[in-house]
Amino acid sequence: NPVLPSLWLLYAHYQVFHEERRMKKLIFPLIALNAV
């Protein structure tokens, strides 16, 4: 359930900034959230 909105947040972030490095900073918090 949290995986799909997590991917959408990453997709939206990339559409806004178009920067992979900046977007990748979101990945670890989202992984932690899904792990919890």
ModelCIF file with pLDDT and N, C-alpha, C, O atoms, coordinates in Angstrom:
data_MODEL
#
_entry.id   MODEL 
#
_entity.id                         1 
_entity.type                       polymer 
_entity.pdbx_number_of_molecules   1 
#
_entity_poly.entity_id                      1 
_entity_poly.type                           'polypeptide(L)' 
_entity_poly.nstd_linkage                   no 
_entity_poly.nstd_monomer                   no 
_entity_poly.pdbx_seq_one_letter_code       NPVLPSLWLLYAHYQVFHEERRMKKLIFPLIALNAV 
_entity_poly.pdbx_seq_one_letter_code_can   NPVLPSLWLLYAHYQVFHEERRMKKLIFPLIALNAV 
_entity_poly.pdbx_strand_id                 A 
#
loop_
_entity_poly_seq.entity_id 
_entity_poly_seq.num 
_entity_poly_seq.mon_id 
_entity_poly_seq.hetero 
1 1  ASN n 
1 2  PRO n 
1 3  VAL n 
1 4  LEU n 
1 5  PRO n 
1 6  SER n 
1 7  LEU n 
1 8  TRP n 
1 9  LEU n 
1 10 LEU n 
1 11 TYR n 
1 12 ALA n 
1 13 HIS n 
1 14 TYR n 
1 15 GLN n 
1 16 VAL n 
1 17 PHE n 
1 18 HIS n 
1 19 GLU n 
1 20 GLU n 
1 21 ARG n 
1 22 ARG n 
1 23 MET n 
1 24 LYS n 
1 25 LYS n 
1 26 LEU n 
1 27 ILE n 
1 28 PHE n 
1 29 PRO n 
1 30 LEU n 
1 31 ILE n 
1 32 ALA n 
1 33 LEU n 
1 34 ASN n 
1 35 ALA n 
1 36 VAL n 
#
_struct_asym.id          A 
_struct_asym.entity_id   1 
#
loop_
_ma_qa_metric.id 
_ma_qa_metric.mode 
_ma_qa_metric.name 
_ma_qa_metric.software_group_id 
_ma_qa_metric.type 
1 global pLDDT . pLDDT 
2 local  pLDDT . pLDDT 
#
_ma_qa_metric_global.metric_id      1 
_ma_qa_metric_global.metric_value   91.19 
_ma_qa_metric_global.model_id       1 
_ma_qa_metric_global.ordinal_id     1 
#
loop_
_ma_qa_metric_local.label_asym_id 
_ma_qa_metric_local.label_comp_id 
_ma_qa_metric_local.label_seq_id 
_ma_qa_metric_local.metric_id 
_ma_qa_metric_local.metric_value 
_ma_qa_metric_local.model_id 
_ma_qa_metric_local.ordinal_id 
A ASN 1  2 88.00 1 1  
A PRO 2  2 94.00 1 2  
A VAL 3  2 96.00 1 3  
A LEU 4  2 93.00 1 4  
A PRO 5  2 93.00 1 5  
A SER 6  2 97.00 1 6  
A LEU 7  2 96.00 1 7  
A TRP 8  2 95.00 1 8  
A LEU 9  2 96.00 1 9  
A LEU 10 2 96.00 1 10 
A TYR 11 2 94.00 1 11 
A ALA 12 2 94.00 1 12 
A HIS 13 2 93.00 1 13 
A TYR 14 2 89.00 1 14 
A GLN 15 2 87.00 1 15 
A VAL 16 2 89.00 1 16 
A PHE 17 2 84.00 1 17 
A HIS 18 2 76.00 1 18 
A GLU 19 2 77.00 1 19 
A GLU 20 2 78.00 1 20 
A ARG 21 2 80.00 1 21 
A ARG 22 2 84.00 1 22 
A MET 23 2 87.00 1 23 
A LYS 24 2 84.00 1 24 
A LYS 25 2 90.00 1 25 
A LEU 26 2 94.00 1 26 
A ILE 27 2 93.00 1 27 
A PHE 28 2 94.00 1 28 
A PRO 29 2 96.00 1 29 
A LEU 30 2 97.00 1 30 
A ILE 31 2 96.00 1 31 
A ALA 32 2 97.00 1 32 
A LEU 33 2 96.00 1 33 
A ASN 34 2 97.00 1 34 
A ALA 35 2 97.00 1 35 
A VAL 36 2 96.00 1 36 
#
loop_
_atom_site.group_PDB 
_atom_site.id 
_atom_site.type_symbol 
_atom_site.label_atom_id 
_atom_site.label_alt_id 
_atom_site.label_comp_id 
_atom_site.label_asym_id 
_atom_site.label_entity_id 
_atom_site.label_seq_id 
_atom_site.pdbx_PDB_ins_code 
_atom_site.Cartn_x 
_atom_site.Cartn_y 
_atom_site.Cartn_z 
_atom_site.occupancy 
_atom_site.B_iso_or_equiv 
_atom_site.pdbx_formal_charge 
_atom_site.auth_seq_id 
_atom_site.auth_comp_id 
_atom_site.auth_asym_id 
_atom_site.auth_atom_id 
_atom_site.pdbx_PDB_model_num 
ATOM 1   N N  . ASN A 1 1  ? 0.804  -1.231 0.000   1.00 88.00 ? 1  ASN A N  1 
ATOM 2   C CA . ASN A 1 1  ? 0.000  0.000  0.000   1.00 88.00 ? 1  ASN A CA 1 
ATOM 3   C C  . ASN A 1 1  ? 0.835  1.279  0.000   1.00 88.00 ? 1  ASN A C  1 
ATOM 4   O O  . ASN A 1 1  ? 0.525  2.191  -0.766  1.00 88.00 ? 1  ASN A O  1 
ATOM 5   N N  . PRO A 1 2  ? 1.895  1.388  0.835   1.00 94.00 ? 2  PRO A N  1 
ATOM 6   C CA . PRO A 1 2  ? 2.691  2.632  0.813   1.00 94.00 ? 2  PRO A CA 1 
ATOM 7   C C  . PRO A 1 2  ? 3.667  2.720  -0.362  1.00 94.00 ? 2  PRO A C  1 
ATOM 8   O O  . PRO A 1 2  ? 4.203  3.793  -0.639  1.00 94.00 ? 2  PRO A O  1 
ATOM 9   N N  . VAL A 1 3  ? 3.901  1.609  -1.050  1.00 96.00 ? 3  VAL A N  1 
ATOM 10  C CA . VAL A 1 3  ? 4.891  1.593  -2.128  1.00 96.00 ? 3  VAL A CA 1 
ATOM 11  C C  . VAL A 1 3  ? 4.441  2.463  -3.296  1.00 96.00 ? 3  VAL A C  1 
ATOM 12  O O  . VAL A 1 3  ? 5.228  3.243  -3.831  1.00 96.00 ? 3  VAL A O  1 
ATOM 13  N N  . LEU A 1 4  ? 3.178  2.331  -3.691  1.00 93.00 ? 4  LEU A N  1 
ATOM 14  C CA . LEU A 1 4  ? 2.673  3.072  -4.837  1.00 93.00 ? 4  LEU A CA 1 
ATOM 15  C C  . LEU A 1 4  ? 2.712  4.585  -4.624  1.00 93.00 ? 4  LEU A C  1 
ATOM 16  O O  . LEU A 1 4  ? 3.219  5.294  -5.494  1.00 93.00 ? 4  LEU A O  1 
ATOM 17  N N  . PRO A 1 5  ? 2.197  5.117  -3.501  1.00 93.00 ? 5  PRO A N  1 
ATOM 18  C CA . PRO A 1 5  ? 2.325  6.572  -3.281  1.00 93.00 ? 5  PRO A CA 1 
ATOM 19  C C  . PRO A 1 5  ? 3.767  7.030  -3.109  1.00 93.00 ? 5  PRO A C  1 
ATOM 20  O O  . PRO A 1 5  ? 4.090  8.179  -3.408  1.00 93.00 ? 5  PRO A O  1 
ATOM 21  N N  . SER A 1 6  ? 4.642  6.140  -2.627  1.00 97.00 ? 6  SER A N  1 
ATOM 22  C CA . SER A 1 6  ? 6.063  6.475  -2.514  1.00 97.00 ? 6  SER A CA 1 
ATOM 23  C C  . SER A 1 6  ? 6.663  6.696  -3.900  1.00 97.00 ? 6  SER A C  1 
ATOM 24  O O  . SER A 1 6  ? 7.417  7.645  -4.115  1.00 97.00 ? 6  SER A O  1 
ATOM 25  N N  . LEU A 1 7  ? 6.322  5.814  -4.834  1.00 96.00 ? 7  LEU A N  1 
ATOM 26  C CA . LEU A 1 7  ? 6.792  5.956  -6.217  1.00 96.00 ? 7  LEU A CA 1 
ATOM 27  C C  . LEU A 1 7  ? 6.219  7.219  -6.854  1.00 96.00 ? 7  LEU A C  1 
ATOM 28  O O  . LEU A 1 7  ? 6.903  7.897  -7.620  1.00 96.00 ? 7  LEU A O  1 
ATOM 29  N N  . TRP A 1 8  ? 4.965  7.533  -6.536  1.00 95.00 ? 8  TRP A N  1 
ATOM 30  C CA . TRP A 1 8  ? 4.350  8.735  -7.089  1.00 95.00 ? 8  TRP A CA 1 
ATOM 31  C C  . TRP A 1 8  ? 5.048  9.995  -6.572  1.00 95.00 ? 8  TRP A C  1 
ATOM 32  O O  . TRP A 1 8  ? 5.249  10.949 -7.322  1.00 95.00 ? 8  TRP A O  1 
ATOM 33  N N  . LEU A 1 9  ? 5.414  9.994  -5.291  1.00 96.00 ? 9  LEU A N  1 
ATOM 34  C CA . LEU A 1 9  ? 6.130  11.138 -4.725  1.00 96.00 ? 9  LEU A CA 1 
ATOM 35  C C  . LEU A 1 9  ? 7.468  11.325 -5.432  1.00 96.00 ? 9  LEU A C  1 
ATOM 36  O O  . LEU A 1 9  ? 7.854  12.456 -5.727  1.00 96.00 ? 9  LEU A O  1 
ATOM 37  N N  . LEU A 1 10 ? 8.181  10.237 -5.706  1.00 96.00 ? 10 LEU A N  1 
ATOM 38  C CA . LEU A 1 10 ? 9.451  10.307 -6.429  1.00 96.00 ? 10 LEU A CA 1 
ATOM 39  C C  . LEU A 1 10 ? 9.230  10.808 -7.858  1.00 96.00 ? 10 LEU A C  1 
ATOM 40  O O  . LEU A 1 10 ? 10.002 11.625 -8.360  1.00 96.00 ? 10 LEU A O  1 
ATOM 41  N N  . TYR A 1 11 ? 8.187  10.321 -8.503  1.00 94.00 ? 11 TYR A N  1 
ATOM 42  C CA . TYR A 1 11 ? 7.869  10.732 -9.877  1.00 94.00 ? 11 TYR A CA 1 
ATOM 43  C C  . TYR A 1 11 ? 7.551  12.221 -9.919  1.00 94.00 ? 11 TYR A C  1 
ATOM 44  O O  . TYR A 1 11 ? 8.040  12.941 -10.790 1.00 94.00 ? 11 TYR A O  1 
ATOM 45  N N  . ALA A 1 12 ? 6.729  12.682 -8.973  1.00 94.00 ? 12 ALA A N  1 
ATOM 46  C CA . ALA A 1 12 ? 6.364  14.100 -8.918  1.00 94.00 ? 12 ALA A CA 1 
ATOM 47  C C  . ALA A 1 12 ? 7.591  14.967 -8.658  1.00 94.00 ? 12 ALA A C  1 
ATOM 48  O O  . ALA A 1 12 ? 7.750  16.025 -9.266  1.00 94.00 ? 12 ALA A O  1 
ATOM 49  N N  . HIS A 1 13 ? 8.460  14.511 -7.749  1.00 93.00 ? 13 HIS A N  1 
ATOM 50  C CA . HIS A 1 13 ? 9.680  15.259 -7.421  1.00 93.00 ? 13 HIS A CA 1 
ATOM 51  C C  . HIS A 1 13 ? 10.560 15.406 -8.656  1.00 93.00 ? 13 HIS A C  1 
ATOM 52  O O  . HIS A 1 13 ? 11.113 16.477 -8.907  1.00 93.00 ? 13 HIS A O  1 
ATOM 53  N N  . TYR A 1 14 ? 10.689 14.331 -9.425  1.00 89.00 ? 14 TYR A N  1 
ATOM 54  C CA . TYR A 1 14 ? 11.538 14.381 -10.621 1.00 89.00 ? 14 TYR A CA 1 
ATOM 55  C C  . TYR A 1 14 ? 10.917 15.285 -11.687 1.00 89.00 ? 14 TYR A C  1 
ATOM 56  O O  . TYR A 1 14 ? 11.641 15.987 -12.392 1.00 89.00 ? 14 TYR A O  1 
ATOM 57  N N  . GLN A 1 15 ? 9.588  15.276 -11.815 1.00 87.00 ? 15 GLN A N  1 
ATOM 58  C CA . GLN A 1 15 ? 8.921  16.146 -12.783 1.00 87.00 ? 15 GLN A CA 1 
ATOM 59  C C  . GLN A 1 15 ? 9.124  17.620 -12.439 1.00 87.00 ? 15 GLN A C  1 
ATOM 60  O O  . GLN A 1 15 ? 9.165  18.472 -13.328 1.00 87.00 ? 15 GLN A O  1 
ATOM 61  N N  . VAL A 1 16 ? 9.250  17.916 -11.140 1.00 89.00 ? 16 VAL A N  1 
ATOM 62  C CA . VAL A 1 16 ? 9.422  19.298 -10.694 1.00 89.00 ? 16 VAL A CA 1 
ATOM 63  C C  . VAL A 1 16 ? 10.858 19.766 -10.879 1.00 89.00 ? 16 VAL A C  1 
ATOM 64  O O  . VAL A 1 16 ? 11.094 20.849 -11.417 1.00 89.00 ? 16 VAL A O  1 
ATOM 65  N N  . PHE A 1 17 ? 11.832 18.948 -10.432 1.00 84.00 ? 17 PHE A N  1 
ATOM 66  C CA . PHE A 1 17 ? 13.225 19.400 -10.386 1.00 84.00 ? 17 PHE A CA 1 
ATOM 67  C C  . PHE A 1 17 ? 14.133 18.795 -11.458 1.00 84.00 ? 17 PHE A C  1 
ATOM 68  O O  . PHE A 1 17 ? 15.156 19.389 -11.799 1.00 84.00 ? 17 PHE A O  1 
ATOM 69  N N  . HIS A 1 18 ? 13.778 17.629 -11.992 1.00 76.00 ? 18 HIS A N  1 
ATOM 70  C CA . HIS A 1 18 ? 14.587 16.953 -13.020 1.00 76.00 ? 18 HIS A CA 1 
ATOM 71  C C  . HIS A 1 18 ? 16.030 16.749 -12.557 1.00 76.00 ? 18 HIS A C  1 
ATOM 72  O O  . HIS A 1 18 ? 16.963 16.899 -13.344 1.00 76.00 ? 18 HIS A O  1 
ATOM 73  N N  . GLU A 1 19 ? 16.210 16.409 -11.286 1.00 77.00 ? 19 GLU A N  1 
ATOM 74  C CA . GLU A 1 19 ? 17.545 16.161 -10.737 1.00 77.00 ? 19 GLU A CA 1 
ATOM 75  C C  . GLU A 1 19 ? 17.544 14.829 -9.996  1.00 77.00 ? 19 GLU A C  1 
ATOM 76  O O  . GLU A 1 19 ? 16.883 14.682 -8.967  1.00 77.00 ? 19 GLU A O  1 
ATOM 77  N N  . GLU A 1 20 ? 18.291 13.857 -10.527 1.00 78.00 ? 20 GLU A N  1 
ATOM 78  C CA . GLU A 1 20 ? 18.331 12.527 -9.919  1.00 78.00 ? 20 GLU A CA 1 
ATOM 79  C C  . GLU A 1 20 ? 18.940 12.568 -8.517  1.00 78.00 ? 20 GLU A C  1 
ATOM 80  O O  . GLU A 1 20 ? 18.430 11.934 -7.593  1.00 78.00 ? 20 GLU A O  1 
ATOM 81  N N  . ARG A 1 21 ? 20.040 13.323 -8.367  1.00 80.00 ? 21 ARG A N  1 
ATOM 82  C CA . ARG A 1 21 ? 20.708 13.360 -7.063  1.00 80.00 ? 21 ARG A CA 1 
ATOM 83  C C  . ARG A 1 21 ? 19.796 13.913 -5.983  1.00 80.00 ? 21 ARG A C  1 
ATOM 84  O O  . ARG A 1 21 ? 19.745 13.402 -4.865  1.00 80.00 ? 21 ARG A O  1 
ATOM 85  N N  . ARG A 1 22 ? 19.082 14.961 -6.337  1.00 84.00 ? 22 ARG A N  1 
ATOM 86  C CA . ARG A 1 22 ? 18.163 15.574 -5.373  1.00 84.00 ? 22 ARG A CA 1 
ATOM 87  C C  . ARG A 1 22 ? 17.017 14.629 -5.034  1.00 84.00 ? 22 ARG A C  1 
ATOM 88  O O  . ARG A 1 22 ? 16.591 14.542 -3.882  1.00 84.00 ? 22 ARG A O  1 
ATOM 89  N N  . MET A 1 23 ? 16.527 13.927 -6.039  1.00 87.00 ? 23 MET A N  1 
ATOM 90  C CA . MET A 1 23 ? 15.425 13.001 -5.819  1.00 87.00 ? 23 MET A CA 1 
ATOM 91  C C  . MET A 1 23 ? 15.843 11.808 -4.973  1.00 87.00 ? 23 MET A C  1 
ATOM 92  O O  . MET A 1 23 ? 15.064 11.309 -4.161  1.00 87.00 ? 23 MET A O  1 
ATOM 93  N N  . LYS A 1 24 ? 17.083 11.352 -5.170  1.00 84.00 ? 24 LYS A N  1 
ATOM 94  C CA . LYS A 1 24 ? 17.561 10.170 -4.452  1.00 84.00 ? 24 LYS A CA 1 
ATOM 95  C C  . LYS A 1 24 ? 17.635 10.374 -2.940  1.00 84.00 ? 24 LYS A C  1 
ATOM 96  O O  . LYS A 1 24 ? 17.670 9.409  -2.177  1.00 84.00 ? 24 LYS A O  1 
ATOM 97  N N  . LYS A 1 25 ? 17.657 11.644 -2.510  1.00 90.00 ? 25 LYS A N  1 
ATOM 98  C CA . LYS A 1 25 ? 17.640 11.923 -1.073  1.00 90.00 ? 25 LYS A CA 1 
ATOM 99  C C  . LYS A 1 25 ? 16.320 11.498 -0.440  1.00 90.00 ? 25 LYS A C  1 
ATOM 100 O O  . LYS A 1 25 ? 16.249 11.277 0.769   1.00 90.00 ? 25 LYS A O  1 
ATOM 101 N N  . LEU A 1 26 ? 15.286 11.383 -1.248  1.00 94.00 ? 26 LEU A N  1 
ATOM 102 C CA . LEU A 1 26 ? 13.974 10.956 -0.752  1.00 94.00 ? 26 LEU A CA 1 
ATOM 103 C C  . LEU A 1 26 ? 13.879 9.440  -0.613  1.00 94.00 ? 26 LEU A C  1 
ATOM 104 O O  . LEU A 1 26 ? 13.049 8.929  0.138   1.00 94.00 ? 26 LEU A O  1 
ATOM 105 N N  . ILE A 1 27 ? 14.727 8.734  -1.336  1.00 93.00 ? 27 ILE A N  1 
ATOM 106 C CA . ILE A 1 27 ? 14.584 7.278  -1.412  1.00 93.00 ? 27 ILE A CA 1 
ATOM 107 C C  . ILE A 1 27 ? 14.745 6.605  -0.053  1.00 93.00 ? 27 ILE A C  1 
ATOM 108 O O  . ILE A 1 27 ? 13.936 5.753  0.315   1.00 93.00 ? 27 ILE A O  1 
ATOM 109 N N  . PHE A 1 28 ? 15.785 6.978  0.697   1.00 94.00 ? 28 PHE A N  1 
ATOM 110 C CA . PHE A 1 28 ? 16.040 6.305  1.974   1.00 94.00 ? 28 PHE A CA 1 
ATOM 111 C C  . PHE A 1 28 ? 14.947 6.557  3.007   1.00 94.00 ? 28 PHE A C  1 
ATOM 112 O O  . PHE A 1 28 ? 14.553 5.609  3.686   1.00 94.00 ? 28 PHE A O  1 
ATOM 113 N N  . PRO A 1 29 ? 14.426 7.791  3.169   1.00 96.00 ? 29 PRO A N  1 
ATOM 114 C CA . PRO A 1 29 ? 13.285 7.986  4.080   1.00 96.00 ? 29 PRO A CA 1 
ATOM 115 C C  . PRO A 1 29 ? 12.060 7.172  3.671   1.00 96.00 ? 29 PRO A C  1 
ATOM 116 O O  . PRO A 1 29 ? 11.337 6.652  4.522   1.00 96.00 ? 29 PRO A O  1 
ATOM 117 N N  . LEU A 1 30 ? 11.832 7.064  2.358   1.00 97.00 ? 30 LEU A N  1 
ATOM 118 C CA . LEU A 1 30 ? 10.678 6.299  1.885   1.00 97.00 ? 30 LEU A CA 1 
ATOM 119 C C  . LEU A 1 30 ? 10.875 4.803  2.115   1.00 97.00 ? 30 LEU A C  1 
ATOM 120 O O  . LEU A 1 30 ? 9.928  4.088  2.441   1.00 97.00 ? 30 LEU A O  1 
ATOM 121 N N  . ILE A 1 31 ? 12.116 4.332  1.942   1.00 96.00 ? 31 ILE A N  1 
ATOM 122 C CA . ILE A 1 31 ? 12.412 2.931  2.240   1.00 96.00 ? 31 ILE A CA 1 
ATOM 123 C C  . ILE A 1 31 ? 12.180 2.651  3.722   1.00 96.00 ? 31 ILE A C  1 
ATOM 124 O O  . ILE A 1 31 ? 11.620 1.618  4.089   1.00 96.00 ? 31 ILE A O  1 
ATOM 125 N N  . ALA A 1 32 ? 12.615 3.583  4.567   1.00 97.00 ? 32 ALA A N  1 
ATOM 126 C CA . ALA A 1 32 ? 12.428 3.439  6.021   1.00 97.00 ? 32 ALA A CA 1 
ATOM 127 C C  . ALA A 1 32 ? 10.944 3.393  6.367   1.00 97.00 ? 32 ALA A C  1 
ATOM 128 O O  . ALA A 1 32 ? 10.519 2.580  7.187   1.00 97.00 ? 32 ALA A O  1 
ATOM 129 N N  . LEU A 1 33 ? 10.164 4.259  5.747   1.00 96.00 ? 33 LEU A N  1 
ATOM 130 C CA . LEU A 1 33 ? 8.716  4.285  6.000   1.00 96.00 ? 33 LEU A CA 1 
ATOM 131 C C  . LEU A 1 33 ? 8.069  2.965  5.603   1.00 96.00 ? 33 LEU A C  1 
ATOM 132 O O  . LEU A 1 33 ? 7.246  2.425  6.343   1.00 96.00 ? 33 LEU A O  1 
ATOM 133 N N  . ASN A 1 34 ? 8.439  2.450  4.443   1.00 97.00 ? 34 ASN A N  1 
ATOM 134 C CA . ASN A 1 34 ? 7.884  1.176  3.989   1.00 97.00 ? 34 ASN A CA 1 
ATOM 135 C C  . ASN A 1 34 ? 8.362  0.012  4.851   1.00 97.00 ? 34 ASN A C  1 
ATOM 136 O O  . ASN A 1 34 ? 7.635  -0.961 5.050   1.00 97.00 ? 34 ASN A O  1 
ATOM 137 N N  . ALA A 1 35 ? 9.592  0.118  5.364   1.00 97.00 ? 35 ALA A N  1 
ATOM 138 C CA . ALA A 1 35 ? 10.117 -0.927 6.256   1.00 97.00 ? 35 ALA A CA 1 
ATOM 139 C C  . ALA A 1 35 ? 9.339  -0.952 7.570   1.00 97.00 ? 35 ALA A C  1 
ATOM 140 O O  . ALA A 1 35 ? 9.014  -2.024 8.081   1.00 97.00 ? 35 ALA A O  1 
ATOM 141 N N  . VAL A 1 36 ? 9.041  0.223  8.115   1.00 96.00 ? 36 VAL A N  1 
ATOM 142 C CA . VAL A 1 36 ? 8.238  0.310  9.352   1.00 96.00 ? 36 VAL A CA 1 
ATOM 143 C C  . VAL A 1 36 ? 6.867  -0.307 9.131   1.00 96.00 ? 36 VAL A C  1 
ATOM 144 O O  . VAL A 1 36 ? 6.046  -0.332 10.049  1.00 96.00 ? 36 VAL A O  1 
#
